[in-house]
């Protein structure tokens, strides 16, 4: 964040630096780099005239400096670029962002589609493609259930979460209605670590529903792949989500996402329309546990309508989330400066 600040303050006067342009990317606006104002002279070595570049209120704010001094600002989805103009999402930077919105761009992240490929992923129990996922995903689910000691039923949907256990990821919504979800003929597996209260919450859910719920308090890329390959549905009820990669990986593996319409989730998971056969998942708008629960019920109902369900899975597995698409958008921004 300080690179464009230092360029402007210390180097811009030199002819060899005058034509250099900078692009600053905001991933998660919550993490801004805030410090006491004593840093300006003692640590950063900035002159007094440069204070307005990095000061936000009574503290130094690195992110504000990057926004002020860069030629363009990007963030990791188009919807998030609009959301951070709102005080609910901006963590105090809505003013500076609104005044600089002319240089703000949103570009969705991509994933490595060679690395995340169910046809070749050697961490899966069984590899599969869009042509044979129906039988092979069932085999993956059976093997995963055996591994984590869950009873297996081919017709019972498995809902997965692979996430940091934090408030941002919507765990409060999950905790509020998990017992309602478990009344349906579903199973749930959550893989992740994080805040103690959420770890305790999902461990308690497992104790109440030992044959239907698994809380795995760890992170393992090997196990994550197995869960992507075995699950039928992937829950991401985030409070906010700059981009999100898990929903992209889930779709690649044919696990239908259930997401809140925020940030990159809104941009990458259009709601399924049974009349047109278009769409990639199930969505809800407000950060409310019962709106999330309604989305889960809609997903569950469609799971039992195999014609529509197979359309969604195929839509997901055929999606192109490669970096090639995103890279072209970044190149356009660079070339416009």
Foldseek 3Di string as FASTA:
>chain_A
DCVLVCCVQPPCVDPVSVPDAFEAEDEALVDFDKDAPVCCCPPVNGDPVSVVLQDDPGIGTNNSNVLVRHPAYEYAAQQVLVVCLDPVRVVRCNVVCVVSVVRYYHFHAFDDCVCLAQQDPPLAPDRDALVPLLVQLLVLQVVVCVVQVADHDSLAAEEEEEDEQDVQQLLVLCLVCVVVVVVDRHAYEYEEAYDPVSLVSQVVVCVVPVRGYYYHYDDDPSVLSSCLQRGQAYEGAGPAHQADDSCLSSLLNLRQYEYECHHNCVVPFADADVVVLDTAHFYFYDSHSVSSVVSVVVVVVVSVVVVSSSSNSSNSNPDHRHCVVSVVVVVVSVVVD
